[in-house]
Amino acid sequence: MMKTKEVKNKNQNVEDLFPFHKENYKYLFLGLILLALGFILMIGGGSDDPNKFSDALFDTQRLTIAPLLLIAGFAVEMWAVLKRPGHKN
């Protein structure tokens, strides 16, 4: 009986050495996906001819959706870094 407590305590101490746990990494990757999607949606909108102006630069995708995805991505990244593992926040 004493050995099972020692093993649990030993495993718990090893887990406490790492700053991030599995749940933190899930949030980190979700934030990275949101950031990548936001930057991808900002791509384009220019004109092939430098003498011709393109209104595609002011599309809703580039002015509204992409920045909102970037803000959400940064917020998720902050949440992933600040979240304490094993606690219901």
C-alpha atoms as a PDB file:
ATOM      1  CA  MET A   1       0.000   0.000   0.000  1.00  0.00           C
ATOM      2  CA  MET A   2       2.832   2.354   0.762  1.00  0.00           C
ATOM      3  CA  LYS A   3       4.435   1.764  -2.652  1.00  0.00           C
ATOM      4  CA  THR A   4       1.366   2.913  -4.597  1.00  0.00           C
ATOM      5  CA  LYS A   5       1.355   6.229  -2.730  1.00  0.00           C
ATOM      6  CA  GLU A   6       5.057   6.666  -3.399  1.00  0.00           C
ATOM      7  CA  VAL A   7       4.576   5.946  -7.105  1.00  0.00           C
ATOM      8  CA  LYS A   8       1.675   8.414  -7.320  1.00  0.00           C
ATOM      9  CA  ASN A   9       3.683  11.083  -5.537  1.00  0.00           C
ATOM     10  CA  LYS A  10       6.679  10.459  -7.779  1.00  0.00           C
ATOM     11  CA  ASN A  11       4.560  10.735 -10.953  1.00  0.00           C
ATOM     12  CA  GLN A  12       2.854  13.845  -9.638  1.00  0.00           C
ATOM     13  CA  ASN A  13       6.199  15.497  -8.924  1.00  0.00           C
ATOM     14  CA  VAL A  14       7.455  14.751 -12.442  1.00  0.00           C
ATOM     15  CA  GLU A  15       4.311  16.306 -13.950  1.00  0.00           C
ATOM     16  CA  ASP A  16       4.756  19.415 -11.828  1.00  0.00           C
ATOM     17  CA  LEU A  17       8.196  20.006 -13.357  1.00  0.00           C
ATOM     18  CA  PHE A  18       6.745  20.821 -16.772  1.00  0.00           C
ATOM     19  CA  PRO A  19       5.106  24.219 -17.217  1.00  0.00           C
ATOM     20  CA  PHE A  20       2.608  23.007 -19.835  1.00  0.00           C
ATOM     21  CA  HIS A  21       0.454  19.935 -19.946  1.00  0.00           C
ATOM     22  CA  LYS A  22      -1.543  18.241 -22.676  1.00  0.00           C
ATOM     23  CA  GLU A  23      -4.479  20.637 -22.381  1.00  0.00           C
ATOM     24  CA  ASN A  24      -2.188  23.673 -22.671  1.00  0.00           C
ATOM     25  CA  TYR A  25      -0.686  22.314 -25.878  1.00  0.00           C
ATOM     26  CA  LYS A  26      -4.151  21.765 -27.345  1.00  0.00           C
ATOM     27  CA  TYR A  27      -4.965  25.424 -26.773  1.00  0.00           C
ATOM     28  CA  LEU A  28      -1.569  26.493 -28.152  1.00  0.00           C
ATOM     29  CA  PHE A  29      -2.135  24.597 -31.396  1.00  0.00           C
ATOM     30  CA  LEU A  30      -5.704  25.930 -31.677  1.00  0.00           C
ATOM     31  CA  GLY A  31      -4.370  29.470 -31.281  1.00  0.00           C
ATOM     32  CA  LEU A  32      -1.713  28.857 -33.919  1.00  0.00           C
ATOM     33  CA  ILE A  33      -4.341  27.557 -36.341  1.00  0.00           C
ATOM     34  CA  LEU A  34      -6.495  30.665 -35.768  1.00  0.00           C
ATOM     35  CA  LEU A  35      -3.477  32.926 -36.285  1.00  0.00           C
ATOM     36  CA  ALA A  36      -2.418  31.143 -39.463  1.00  0.00           C
ATOM     37  CA  LEU A  37      -5.966  31.285 -40.844  1.00  0.00           C
ATOM     38  CA  GLY A  38      -6.192  35.001 -40.048  1.00  0.00           C
ATOM     39  CA  PHE A  39      -2.930  35.755 -41.851  1.00  0.00           C
ATOM     40  CA  ILE A  40      -3.918  33.583 -44.808  1.00  0.00           C
ATOM     41  CA  LEU A  41      -7.203  35.467 -45.153  1.00  0.00           C
ATOM     42  CA  MET A  42      -5.280  38.754 -45.304  1.00  0.00           C
ATOM     43  CA  ILE A  43      -3.280  37.622 -48.336  1.00  0.00           C
ATOM     44  CA  GLY A  44      -4.059  39.134 -51.711  1.00  0.00           C
ATOM     45  CA  GLY A  45      -6.287  41.960 -52.779  1.00  0.00           C
ATOM     46  CA  GLY A  46      -3.669  43.687 -54.862  1.00  0.00           C
ATOM     47  CA  SER A  47      -3.738  44.387 -58.561  1.00  0.00           C
ATOM     48  CA  ASP A  48      -1.462  42.767 -61.136  1.00  0.00           C
ATOM     49  CA  ASP A  49      -1.165  46.091 -62.967  1.00  0.00           C
ATOM     50  CA  PRO A  50       0.529  48.750 -60.794  1.00  0.00           C
ATOM     51  CA  ASN A  51      -1.301  51.508 -62.693  1.00  0.00           C
ATOM     52  CA  LYS A  52      -4.755  50.095 -61.908  1.00  0.00           C
ATOM     53  CA  PHE A  53      -6.394  50.282 -58.452  1.00  0.00           C
ATOM     54  CA  SER A  54      -8.204  47.218 -57.137  1.00  0.00           C
ATOM     55  CA  ASP A  55     -11.154  47.508 -54.738  1.00  0.00           C
ATOM     56  CA  ALA A  56     -10.536  43.911 -53.617  1.00  0.00           C
ATOM     57  CA  LEU A  57      -8.133  45.338 -51.047  1.00  0.00           C
ATOM     58  CA  PHE A  58     -11.107  46.613 -49.016  1.00  0.00           C
ATOM     59  CA  ASP A  59     -12.985  43.329 -48.896  1.00  0.00           C
ATOM     60  CA  THR A  60     -14.865  42.285 -45.739  1.00  0.00           C
ATOM     61  CA  GLN A  61     -12.619  39.238 -45.490  1.00  0.00           C
ATOM     62  CA  ARG A  62      -9.488  41.371 -45.137  1.00  0.00           C
ATOM     63  CA  LEU A  63     -10.910  44.213 -43.054  1.00  0.00           C
ATOM     64  CA  THR A  64     -13.153  42.332 -40.616  1.00  0.00           C
ATOM     65  CA  ILE A  65     -12.877  38.552 -40.588  1.00  0.00           C
ATOM     66  CA  ALA A  66      -9.082  38.216 -40.682  1.00  0.00           C
ATOM     67  CA  PRO A  67      -8.406  40.728 -37.850  1.00  0.00           C
ATOM     68  CA  LEU A  68     -11.088  39.086 -35.691  1.00  0.00           C
ATOM     69  CA  LEU A  69      -9.436  35.700 -36.232  1.00  0.00           C
ATOM     70  CA  LEU A  70      -6.067  37.191 -35.287  1.00  0.00           C
ATOM     71  CA  ILE A  71      -7.464  38.711 -32.096  1.00  0.00           C
ATOM     72  CA  ALA A  72      -9.119  35.397 -31.228  1.00  0.00           C
ATOM     73  CA  GLY A  73      -5.857  33.548 -31.965  1.00  0.00           C
ATOM     74  CA  PHE A  74      -3.829  35.809 -29.685  1.00  0.00           C
ATOM     75  CA  ALA A  75      -6.467  35.518 -26.954  1.00  0.00           C
ATOM     76  CA  VAL A  76      -6.377  31.709 -27.154  1.00  0.00           C
ATOM     77  CA  GLU A  77      -2.566  31.785 -27.034  1.00  0.00           C
ATOM     78  CA  MET A  78      -2.658  33.921 -23.886  1.00  0.00           C
ATOM     79  CA  TRP A  79      -5.232  31.583 -22.349  1.00  0.00           C
ATOM     80  CA  ALA A  80      -3.035  28.571 -23.177  1.00  0.00           C
ATOM     81  CA  VAL A  81      -0.007  30.124 -21.501  1.00  0.00           C
ATOM     82  CA  LEU A  82      -1.834  31.374 -18.401  1.00  0.00           C
ATOM     83  CA  LYS A  83      -4.069  28.327 -17.819  1.00  0.00           C
ATOM     84  CA  ARG A  84      -3.069  26.318 -14.802  1.00  0.00           C
ATOM     85  CA  PRO A  85      -3.133  22.602 -15.549  1.00  0.00           C
ATOM     86  CA  GLY A  86      -5.574  20.487 -13.590  1.00  0.00           C
ATOM     87  CA  HIS A  87      -7.752  23.397 -12.502  1.00  0.00           C
ATOM     88  CA  LYS A  88     -11.214  24.225 -13.762  1.00  0.00           C
ATOM     89  CA  ASN A  89     -10.957  27.885 -14.806  1.00  0.00           C
END
